Amino acid sequence: MIKFILEKEKEDLFQVFKVNKAKFNGYRIVWACLFVLFALFSSYSFQNISLALIGVPLLGYLGYKLPYVQLLMQKNRVDKIKSIIFPIFLRYFISLLETQGNVYQTLKATLKYVKHPLLHDELQKLVNAIEKKNDRNSYLDFAHYIGTPEAVNVMSIIYDFSEHGVNKKDLKELETIIYQLHFNKTNELIKYKVNAMEKYANPVLITCVLFTLSFVAVSLVMTVNDALSGL
């Protein structure tokens, strides 16, 4: 929660999604103003100053936070896509490995089949880096971009192939990992699609719940104040 409140991931998200800070801040102000106007309109409709005193800062803050929440949701969606397409890339790689002669040529050949920009561009960077120097860090950078523990393990094995050649034991291990990854991610993809509508509806539901709780809280405060004033 503290991490969310302080927005510690904001700068990283800006870099990943190439967000224009000025436009983002302007977007936040617009949403904050819209939420504040809603609070003011509601307080005017109920003719209650307490509603404005509580609702304006609360809803203004929610509106200000909304664009950041959208960024976090976008990051989660991208991470999900990367974890799903990574096993697809590995299946192409393992299929081409025996025909291409070495890891570099195999990765280069795999580029033709990996079309998704989230993976293709990073794979191209890996191929370009290996062309200059076959360094373990290049493979690990690619794995860290994918962002899963399995990716680090797999790319370490592929690096070992590039340095020491392919042996049957490690190849069998790699094939097992790829099969398991593909099986798991296929199941995750099915669940993701089934629950997609629910996930997209969550921000709206949360906002509605917060609105409801805000008005309930204000109503309770008004009721208590009226009760106390009548004593």
Protein backbone atom coordinates (compact mmCIF):
# COMPACT_ATOMS: atom_id res chain seq x y z
CA MET A 1 0.00 0.00 0.00
CA ILE A 2 2.84 2.41 0.89
CA LYS A 3 4.48 1.62 -2.44
CA PHE A 4 1.23 2.49 -4.21
CA ILE A 5 0.68 5.71 -2.25
CA LEU A 6 4.25 6.93 -2.84
CA GLU A 7 4.13 5.76 -6.49
CA LYS A 8 7.61 4.28 -6.33
CA GLU A 9 7.16 2.56 -9.70
CA LYS A 10 6.12 5.71 -11.52
CA GLU A 11 9.47 6.62 -13.07
CA ASP A 12 10.06 3.05 -14.25
CA LEU A 13 6.60 2.96 -15.79
CA PHE A 14 7.26 6.26 -17.56
CA GLN A 15 10.40 4.78 -19.13
CA VAL A 16 8.77 1.48 -20.10
CA PHE A 17 5.72 3.06 -21.74
CA LYS A 18 7.49 6.23 -22.91
CA VAL A 19 5.02 8.43 -21.06
CA ASN A 20 5.18 12.19 -21.53
CA LYS A 21 5.32 13.54 -17.97
CA ALA A 22 3.66 16.85 -18.82
CA LYS A 23 0.74 15.17 -20.59
CA PHE A 24 0.42 12.61 -17.80
CA ASN A 25 0.28 15.29 -15.12
CA GLY A 26 -2.24 17.23 -17.18
CA TYR A 27 -4.33 14.09 -17.50
CA ARG A 28 -4.22 13.66 -13.71
CA ILE A 29 -5.37 17.24 -13.14
CA VAL A 30 -8.29 16.79 -15.54
CA TRP A 31 -9.47 13.65 -13.76
CA ALA A 32 -9.02 15.25 -10.34
CA CYS A 33 -11.07 18.26 -11.45
CA LEU A 34 -13.83 16.02 -12.82
CA PHE A 35 -14.05 14.12 -9.54
CA VAL A 36 -14.02 17.37 -7.55
CA LEU A 37 -16.82 18.78 -9.70
CA PHE A 38 -18.81 15.63 -9.06
CA ALA A 39 -18.30 16.07 -5.31
CA LEU A 40 -19.30 19.73 -5.47
CA PHE A 41 -22.39 18.95 -7.54
CA SER A 42 -23.39 16.22 -5.09
CA SER A 43 -22.90 18.47 -2.07
CA TYR A 44 -24.91 21.23 -3.75
CA SER A 45 -27.69 18.76 -4.57
CA PHE A 46 -27.85 17.61 -0.95
CA GLN A 47 -27.36 21.16 0.33
CA ASN A 48 -24.74 19.97 2.78
CA ILE A 49 -21.38 21.59 3.42
CA SER A 50 -20.05 18.49 5.22
CA LEU A 51 -20.36 16.52 1.99
CA ALA A 52 -18.19 19.06 0.21
CA LEU A 53 -15.59 19.17 2.98
CA ILE A 54 -15.18 15.40 2.92
CA GLY A 55 -16.01 14.59 -0.69
CA VAL A 56 -13.88 17.21 -2.46
CA PRO A 57 -10.45 16.14 -1.12
CA LEU A 58 -11.33 12.45 -1.14
CA LEU A 59 -12.69 12.30 -4.68
CA GLY A 60 -10.06 14.75 -5.91
CA TYR A 61 -7.38 12.38 -4.65
CA LEU A 62 -9.09 9.39 -6.28
CA GLY A 63 -9.27 11.22 -9.59
CA TYR A 64 -5.61 12.20 -9.29
CA LYS A 65 -4.65 8.57 -8.68
CA LEU A 66 -6.72 7.11 -11.50
CA PRO A 67 -4.15 7.59 -14.33
CA TYR A 68 -1.47 5.94 -12.19
CA VAL A 69 -3.78 2.99 -11.56
CA GLN A 70 -4.30 2.72 -15.31
CA LEU A 71 -0.52 2.60 -15.80
CA LEU A 72 -0.21 -0.21 -13.27
CA MET A 73 -2.97 -2.14 -15.02
CA GLN A 74 -1.20 -1.65 -18.35
CA LYS A 75 2.04 -2.96 -16.84
CA ASN A 76 0.27 -6.05 -15.48
CA ARG A 77 -1.24 -6.68 -18.90
CA VAL A 78 2.15 -6.35 -20.65
CA ASP A 79 3.83 -8.64 -18.10
CA LYS A 80 1.10 -11.21 -18.69
CA ILE A 81 1.58 -11.04 -22.47
CA LYS A 82 5.37 -11.41 -22.18
CA SER A 83 5.05 -14.45 -19.94
CA ILE A 84 2.65 -16.04 -22.44
CA ILE A 85 4.63 -15.39 -25.64
CA PHE A 86 8.00 -16.38 -24.13
CA PRO A 87 7.22 -20.16 -24.33
CA ILE A 88 6.12 -19.64 -27.96
CA PHE A 89 9.52 -18.13 -28.74
CA LEU A 90 11.21 -21.08 -27.02
CA ARG A 91 9.27 -23.60 -29.10
CA TYR A 92 10.51 -21.92 -32.26
CA PHE A 93 14.04 -21.83 -30.85
CA ILE A 94 14.14 -25.51 -29.93
CA SER A 95 12.67 -26.48 -33.30
CA LEU A 96 15.32 -24.53 -35.22
CA LEU A 97 18.29 -25.37 -33.01
CA GLU A 98 19.28 -28.60 -34.81
CA THR A 99 19.13 -27.03 -38.28
CA GLN A 100 20.92 -23.72 -37.64
CA GLY A 101 24.21 -24.97 -36.24
CA ASN A 102 24.67 -22.64 -33.26
CA VAL A 103 22.74 -20.49 -30.80
CA TYR A 104 23.40 -17.19 -32.55
CA GLN A 105 22.11 -18.42 -35.91
CA THR A 106 19.13 -20.05 -34.20
CA LEU A 107 18.16 -16.86 -32.39
CA LYS A 108 18.58 -14.92 -35.61
CA ALA A 109 16.36 -17.40 -37.48
CA THR A 110 13.77 -17.26 -34.70
CA LEU A 111 13.32 -13.54 -35.34
CA LYS A 112 11.40 -14.41 -38.52
CA TYR A 113 8.73 -16.21 -36.51
CA VAL A 114 8.48 -14.02 -33.42
CA LYS A 115 6.26 -11.21 -34.64
CA HIS A 116 4.91 -9.69 -31.43
CA PRO A 117 6.69 -6.34 -30.87
CA LEU A 118 6.93 -6.89 -27.11
CA LEU A 119 9.31 -9.80 -27.78
CA HIS A 120 10.64 -9.19 -31.28
CA ASP A 121 12.37 -5.90 -30.45
CA GLU A 122 14.09 -7.30 -27.35
CA LEU A 123 15.10 -10.44 -29.23
CA GLN A 124 16.62 -8.26 -31.93
CA LYS A 125 18.62 -6.43 -29.24
CA LEU A 126 19.86 -9.79 -27.93
CA VAL A 127 20.94 -10.92 -31.40
CA ASN A 128 22.73 -7.61 -32.01
CA ALA A 129 24.51 -7.85 -28.65
CA ILE A 130 25.61 -11.45 -29.27
CA GLU A 131 26.90 -10.50 -32.69
CA LYS A 132 29.33 -8.11 -31.01
CA LYS A 133 30.16 -10.26 -27.98
CA ASN A 134 28.68 -13.48 -26.65
CA ASP A 135 28.25 -12.31 -23.07
CA ARG A 136 26.09 -13.98 -20.38
CA ASN A 137 24.73 -10.60 -19.29
CA SER A 138 23.07 -10.13 -22.67
CA TYR A 139 21.10 -13.34 -22.17
CA LEU A 140 20.24 -12.41 -18.59
CA ASP A 141 19.09 -8.92 -19.66
CA PHE A 142 16.67 -10.60 -22.03
CA ALA A 143 15.51 -12.92 -19.23
CA HIS A 144 15.00 -10.01 -16.83
CA TYR A 145 12.94 -8.26 -19.49
CA ILE A 146 10.64 -11.30 -19.59
CA GLY A 147 10.50 -11.04 -15.82
CA THR A 148 9.97 -14.65 -14.75
CA PRO A 149 12.27 -17.01 -12.78
CA GLU A 150 11.95 -19.61 -15.55
CA ALA A 151 13.28 -17.13 -18.10
CA VAL A 152 16.54 -16.70 -16.16
CA ASN A 153 17.01 -20.48 -15.96
CA VAL A 154 16.22 -21.01 -19.65
CA MET A 155 18.43 -18.21 -20.94
CA SER A 156 21.30 -19.44 -18.75
CA ILE A 157 21.00 -22.87 -20.39
CA ILE A 158 20.93 -21.28 -23.86
CA TYR A 159 24.05 -19.28 -23.00
CA ASP A 160 25.80 -22.48 -21.92
CA PHE A 161 24.83 -23.99 -25.29
CA SER A 162 26.46 -21.05 -27.04
CA GLU A 163 29.69 -21.47 -25.08
CA HIS A 164 30.05 -25.24 -24.73
CA GLY A 165 27.80 -26.66 -27.41
CA VAL A 166 24.54 -28.56 -27.09
CA ASN A 167 24.56 -31.76 -25.04
CA LYS A 168 21.69 -34.21 -24.88
CA LYS A 169 21.17 -33.97 -21.11
CA ASP A 170 20.80 -30.17 -21.06
CA LEU A 171 18.77 -30.24 -24.26
CA LYS A 172 16.36 -32.70 -22.67
CA GLU A 173 16.10 -30.48 -19.59
CA LEU A 174 15.41 -27.46 -21.77
CA GLU A 175 12.72 -29.33 -23.70
CA THR A 176 11.05 -30.35 -20.43
CA ILE A 177 11.08 -26.78 -19.14
CA ILE A 178 9.66 -25.48 -22.42
CA TYR A 179 6.88 -28.06 -22.43
CA GLN A 180 5.94 -27.27 -18.84
CA LEU A 181 6.04 -23.53 -19.50
CA HIS A 182 3.88 -23.88 -22.58
CA PHE A 183 1.37 -26.05 -20.70
CA ASN A 184 1.16 -23.67 -17.74
CA LYS A 185 0.89 -20.52 -19.84
CA THR A 186 -1.76 -22.04 -22.07
CA ASN A 187 -3.89 -22.69 -19.00
CA GLU A 188 -3.19 -19.18 -17.73
CA LEU A 189 -4.19 -17.72 -21.10
CA ILE A 190 -7.50 -19.57 -20.98
CA LYS A 191 -8.20 -18.29 -17.47
CA TYR A 192 -7.08 -14.79 -18.48
CA LYS A 193 -9.53 -14.65 -21.39
CA VAL A 194 -12.35 -16.07 -19.30
CA ASN A 195 -11.79 -13.47 -16.57
CA ALA A 196 -10.92 -10.56 -18.89
CA MET A 197 -14.28 -8.85 -18.62
CA GLU A 198 -14.24 -9.16 -14.86
CA LYS A 199 -10.75 -7.69 -14.63
CA TYR A 200 -11.62 -4.73 -16.84
CA ALA A 201 -14.71 -4.10 -14.73
CA ASN A 202 -12.77 -4.06 -11.45
CA PRO A 203 -11.66 -0.37 -11.61
CA VAL A 204 -15.23 0.72 -12.27
CA LEU A 205 -16.52 -1.45 -9.43
CA ILE A 206 -13.85 -0.19 -7.05
CA THR A 207 -14.66 3.41 -7.94
CA CYS A 208 -18.36 2.83 -7.40
CA VAL A 209 -17.69 1.17 -4.06
CA LEU A 210 -15.49 4.08 -2.98
CA PHE A 211 -18.16 6.55 -4.00
CA THR A 212 -20.77 4.59 -2.06
CA LEU A 213 -18.57 4.31 1.03
CA SER A 214 -17.82 8.03 0.87
CA PHE A 215 -21.48 8.98 0.81
CA VAL A 216 -22.32 6.46 3.54
CA ALA A 217 -19.60 7.97 5.70
CA VAL A 218 -20.89 11.49 5.07
CA SER A 219 -24.46 10.40 5.80
CA LEU A 220 -23.36 8.87 9.09
CA VAL A 221 -21.52 12.05 10.04
CA MET A 222 -24.60 14.12 9.20
CA THR A 223 -26.85 11.80 11.20
CA VAL A 224 -24.57 11.95 14.25
CA ASN A 225 -24.30 15.73 13.99
CA ASP A 226 -28.07 16.09 13.77
CA ALA A 227 -28.52 13.77 16.74
CA LEU A 228 -26.02 15.67 18.82
CA SER A 229 -27.45 19.05 17.90
CA GLY A 230 -30.90 17.86 18.98
CA LEU A 231 -29.73 17.00 22.46
